[in-house]
Amino acid sequence: MKRRILSAVLSVALLVAVAAAASGCHTLRGVGRDVESGGEAIQDAVDR
């Protein structure tokens, strides 16, 4: 039961994060830049 609740909470949090990120991008090009920037940040964190 706790696992199901945790899964639901994480799903809602992910949905909110995606919605917030998408609302910050005014164009499809902006989305691409944001995704690229996020990928670079992840790569930098892994390289450390």
PDB file of N, CA and C in Angstrom:
ATOM      1  N   MET A   1       0.818  -1.187   0.000  1.00  0.00           N
ATOM      2  CA  MET A   1       0.000   0.000   0.000  1.00  0.00           C
ATOM      3  C   MET A   1       0.867   1.258   0.000  1.00  0.00           C
ATOM      4  N   LYS A   2       1.912   1.293   0.842  1.00  0.00           N
ATOM      5  CA  LYS A   2       2.787   2.460   0.910  1.00  0.00           C
ATOM      6  C   LYS A   2       3.502   2.661  -0.424  1.00  0.00           C
ATOM      7  N   ARG A   3       3.852   1.570  -1.055  1.00  0.00           N
ATOM      8  CA  ARG A   3       4.553   1.656  -2.342  1.00  0.00           C
ATOM      9  C   ARG A   3       3.657   2.285  -3.411  1.00  0.00           C
ATOM     10  N   ARG A   4       2.381   1.954  -3.387  1.00  0.00           N
ATOM     11  CA  ARG A   4       1.432   2.504  -4.349  1.00  0.00           C
ATOM     12  C   ARG A   4       1.250   4.005  -4.126  1.00  0.00           C
ATOM     13  N   ILE A   5       1.184   4.419  -2.872  1.00  0.00           N
ATOM     14  CA  ILE A   5       1.041   5.839  -2.549  1.00  0.00           C
ATOM     15  C   ILE A   5       2.295   6.599  -2.969  1.00  0.00           C
ATOM     16  N   LEU A   6       3.459   6.043  -2.668  1.00  0.00           N
ATOM     17  CA  LEU A   6       4.714   6.678  -3.042  1.00  0.00           C
ATOM     18  C   LEU A   6       4.805   6.818  -4.556  1.00  0.00           C
ATOM     19  N   SER A   7       4.404   5.802  -5.278  1.00  0.00           N
ATOM     20  CA  SER A   7       4.411   5.847  -6.732  1.00  0.00           C
ATOM     21  C   SER A   7       3.489   6.948  -7.252  1.00  0.00           C
ATOM     22  N   ALA A   8       2.322   7.077  -6.656  1.00  0.00           N
ATOM     23  CA  ALA A   8       1.372   8.111  -7.072  1.00  0.00           C
ATOM     24  C   ALA A   8       1.933   9.506  -6.786  1.00  0.00           C
ATOM     25  N   VAL A   9       2.537   9.680  -5.629  1.00  0.00           N
ATOM     26  CA  VAL A   9       3.110  10.984  -5.259  1.00  0.00           C
ATOM     27  C   VAL A   9       4.247  11.341  -6.205  1.00  0.00           C
ATOM     28  N   LEU A  10       5.108  10.391  -6.514  1.00  0.00           N
ATOM     29  CA  LEU A  10       6.215  10.652  -7.431  1.00  0.00           C
ATOM     30  C   LEU A  10       5.705  10.966  -8.834  1.00  0.00           C
ATOM     31  N   SER A  11       4.662  10.289  -9.261  1.00  0.00           N
ATOM     32  CA  SER A  11       4.082  10.553 -10.577  1.00  0.00           C
ATOM     33  C   SER A  11       3.524  11.967 -10.653  1.00  0.00           C
ATOM     34  N   VAL A  12       2.836  12.388  -9.625  1.00  0.00           N
ATOM     35  CA  VAL A  12       2.281  13.747  -9.596  1.00  0.00           C
ATOM     36  C   VAL A  12       3.415  14.771  -9.569  1.00  0.00           C
ATOM     37  N   ALA A  13       4.448  14.512  -8.789  1.00  0.00           N
ATOM     38  CA  ALA A  13       5.581  15.435  -8.719  1.00  0.00           C
ATOM     39  C   ALA A  13       6.264  15.554 -10.077  1.00  0.00           C
ATOM     40  N   LEU A  14       6.424  14.452 -10.768  1.00  0.00           N
ATOM     41  CA  LEU A  14       7.028  14.471 -12.096  1.00  0.00           C
ATOM     42  C   LEU A  14       6.156  15.240 -13.074  1.00  0.00           C
ATOM     43  N   LEU A  15       4.871  15.031 -13.012  1.00  0.00           N
ATOM     44  CA  LEU A  15       3.942  15.748 -13.882  1.00  0.00           C
ATOM     45  C   LEU A  15       4.008  17.259 -13.630  1.00  0.00           C
ATOM     46  N   VAL A  16       4.063  17.650 -12.372  1.00  0.00           N
ATOM     47  CA  VAL A  16       4.160  19.079 -12.030  1.00  0.00           C
ATOM     48  C   VAL A  16       5.479  19.654 -12.535  1.00  0.00           C
ATOM     49  N   ALA A  17       6.552  18.913 -12.386  1.00  0.00           N
ATOM     50  CA  ALA A  17       7.858  19.387 -12.849  1.00  0.00           C
ATOM     51  C   ALA A  17       7.875  19.556 -14.364  1.00  0.00           C
ATOM     52  N   VAL A  18       7.304  18.612 -15.072  1.00  0.00           N
ATOM     53  CA  VAL A  18       7.252  18.708 -16.538  1.00  0.00           C
ATOM     54  C   VAL A  18       6.379  19.888 -16.960  1.00  0.00           C
ATOM     55  N   ALA A  19       5.256  20.069 -16.301  1.00  0.00           N
ATOM     56  CA  ALA A  19       4.370  21.192 -16.623  1.00  0.00           C
ATOM     57  C   ALA A  19       5.061  22.523 -16.361  1.00  0.00           C
ATOM     58  N   ALA A  20       5.782  22.620 -15.265  1.00  0.00           N
ATOM     59  CA  ALA A  20       6.499  23.859 -14.945  1.00  0.00           C
ATOM     60  C   ALA A  20       7.594  24.129 -15.970  1.00  0.00           C
ATOM     61  N   ALA A  21       8.316  23.097 -16.356  1.00  0.00           N
ATOM     62  CA  ALA A  21       9.371  23.261 -17.352  1.00  0.00           C
ATOM     63  C   ALA A  21       8.783  23.655 -18.704  1.00  0.00           C
ATOM     64  N   ALA A  22       7.681  23.030 -19.068  1.00  0.00           N
ATOM     65  CA  ALA A  22       7.059  23.338 -20.358  1.00  0.00           C
ATOM     66  C   ALA A  22       6.487  24.749 -20.381  1.00  0.00           C
ATOM     67  N   SER A  23       5.974  25.208 -19.272  1.00  0.00           N
ATOM     68  CA  SER A  23       5.402  26.556 -19.248  1.00  0.00           C
ATOM     69  C   SER A  23       6.491  27.622 -19.335  1.00  0.00           C
ATOM     70  N   GLY A  24       7.700  27.270 -18.979  1.00  0.00           N
ATOM     71  CA  GLY A  24       8.813  28.206 -19.070  1.00  0.00           C
ATOM     72  C   GLY A  24       9.384  28.311 -20.468  1.00  0.00           C
ATOM     73  N   CYS A  25       8.996  27.417 -21.343  1.00  0.00           N
ATOM     74  CA  CYS A  25       9.494  27.418 -22.716  1.00  0.00           C
ATOM     75  C   CYS A  25       8.411  27.976 -23.625  1.00  0.00           C
ATOM     76  N   HIS A  26       8.742  29.003 -24.371  1.00  0.00           N
ATOM     77  CA  HIS A  26       7.745  29.643 -25.216  1.00  0.00           C
ATOM     78  C   HIS A  26       7.676  29.018 -26.606  1.00  0.00           C
ATOM     79  N   THR A  27       8.730  28.331 -27.014  1.00  0.00           N
ATOM     80  CA  THR A  27       8.749  27.741 -28.342  1.00  0.00           C
ATOM     81  C   THR A  27       9.321  26.340 -28.268  1.00  0.00           C
ATOM     82  N   LEU A  28       9.155  25.612 -29.340  1.00  0.00           N
ATOM     83  CA  LEU A  28       9.732  24.274 -29.409  1.00  0.00           C
ATOM     84  C   LEU A  28      11.248  24.349 -29.358  1.00  0.00           C
ATOM     85  N   ARG A  29      11.802  25.392 -29.944  1.00  0.00           N
ATOM     86  CA  ARG A  29      13.251  25.583 -29.894  1.00  0.00           C
ATOM     87  C   ARG A  29      13.702  25.777 -28.444  1.00  0.00           C
ATOM     88  N   GLY A  30      12.896  26.493 -27.670  1.00  0.00           N
ATOM     89  CA  GLY A  30      13.205  26.695 -26.260  1.00  0.00           C
ATOM     90  C   GLY A  30      13.200  25.396 -25.485  1.00  0.00           C
ATOM     91  N   VAL A  31      12.256  24.514 -25.819  1.00  0.00           N
ATOM     92  CA  VAL A  31      12.204  23.192 -25.169  1.00  0.00           C
ATOM     93  C   VAL A  31      13.479  22.429 -25.486  1.00  0.00           C
ATOM     94  N   GLY A  32      13.897  22.462 -26.734  1.00  0.00           N
ATOM     95  CA  GLY A  32      15.127  21.769 -27.134  1.00  0.00           C
ATOM     96  C   GLY A  32      16.339  22.276 -26.373  1.00  0.00           C
ATOM     97  N   ARG A  33      16.411  23.586 -26.216  1.00  0.00           N
ATOM     98  CA  ARG A  33      17.536  24.164 -25.465  1.00  0.00           C
ATOM     99  C   ARG A  33      17.497  23.736 -24.003  1.00  0.00           C
ATOM    100  N   ASP A  34      16.302  23.715 -23.428  1.00  0.00           N
ATOM    101  CA  ASP A  34      16.184  23.313 -22.030  1.00  0.00           C
ATOM    102  C   ASP A  34      16.559  21.850 -21.841  1.00  0.00           C
ATOM    103  N   VAL A  35      16.125  20.998 -22.761  1.00  0.00           N
ATOM    104  CA  VAL A  35      16.458  19.572 -22.666  1.00  0.00           C
ATOM    105  C   VAL A  35      17.961  19.385 -22.818  1.00  0.00           C
ATOM    106  N   GLU A  36      18.549  20.095 -23.775  1.00  0.00           N
ATOM    107  CA  GLU A  36      19.991  20.001 -23.977  1.00  0.00           C
ATOM    108  C   GLU A  36      20.749  20.477 -22.738  1.00  0.00           C
ATOM    109  N   SER A  37      20.297  21.569 -22.163  1.00  0.00           N
ATOM    110  CA  SER A  37      20.933  22.107 -20.961  1.00  0.00           C
ATOM    111  C   SER A  37      20.832  21.112 -19.805  1.00  0.00           C
ATOM    112  N   GLY A  38      19.679  20.499 -19.670  1.00  0.00           N
ATOM    113  CA  GLY A  38      19.497  19.490 -18.620  1.00  0.00           C
ATOM    114  C   GLY A  38      20.412  18.301 -18.827  1.00  0.00           C
ATOM    115  N   GLY A  39      20.539  17.865 -20.071  1.00  0.00           N
ATOM    116  CA  GLY A  39      21.426  16.745 -20.381  1.00  0.00           C
ATOM    117  C   GLY A  39      22.876  17.066 -20.074  1.00  0.00           C
ATOM    118  N   GLU A  40      23.279  18.285 -20.408  1.00  0.00           N
ATOM    119  CA  GLU A  40      24.653  18.698 -20.116  1.00  0.00           C
ATOM    120  C   GLU A  40      24.906  18.756 -18.616  1.00  0.00           C
ATOM    121  N   ALA A  41      23.921  19.208 -17.863  1.00  0.00           N
ATOM    122  CA  ALA A  41      24.068  19.268 -16.399  1.00  0.00           C
ATOM    123  C   ALA A  41      24.217  17.864 -15.820  1.00  0.00           C
ATOM    124  N   ILE A  42      23.456  16.926 -16.349  1.00  0.00           N
ATOM    125  CA  ILE A  42      23.557  15.538 -15.881  1.00  0.00           C
ATOM    126  C   ILE A  42      24.927  14.973 -16.229  1.00  0.00           C
ATOM    127  N   GLN A  43      25.404  15.226 -17.450  1.00  0.00           N
ATOM    128  CA  GLN A  43      26.705  14.734 -17.840  1.00  0.00           C
ATOM    129  C   GLN A  43      27.807  15.329 -16.962  1.00  0.00           C
ATOM    130  N   ASP A  44      27.705  16.612 -16.661  1.00  0.00           N
ATOM    131  CA  ASP A  44      28.702  17.248 -15.795  1.00  0.00           C
ATOM    132  C   ASP A  44      28.701  16.621 -14.401  1.00  0.00           C
ATOM    133  N   ALA A  45      27.515  16.330 -13.893  1.00  0.00           N
ATOM    134  CA  ALA A  45      27.420  15.724 -12.570  1.00  0.00           C
ATOM    135  C   ALA A  45      28.009  14.327 -12.558  1.00  0.00           C
ATOM    136  N   VAL A  46      27.817  13.576 -13.637  1.00  0.00           N
ATOM    137  CA  VAL A  46      28.350  12.208 -13.712  1.00  0.00           C
ATOM    138  C   VAL A  46      29.863  12.234 -13.863  1.00  0.00           C
ATOM    139  N   ASP A  47      30.365  13.207 -14.608  1.00  0.00           N
ATOM    140  CA  ASP A  47      31.813  13.297 -14.846  1.00  0.00           C
ATOM    141  C   ASP A  47      32.596  13.657 -13.574  1.00  0.00           C
ATOM    142  N   ARG A  48      31.954  14.254 -12.599  1.00  0.00           N
ATOM    143  CA  ARG A  48      32.657  14.658 -11.374  1.00  0.00           C
ATOM    144  C   ARG A  48      32.988  13.513 -10.546  1.00  0.00           C
TER     145      ARG A  48
END
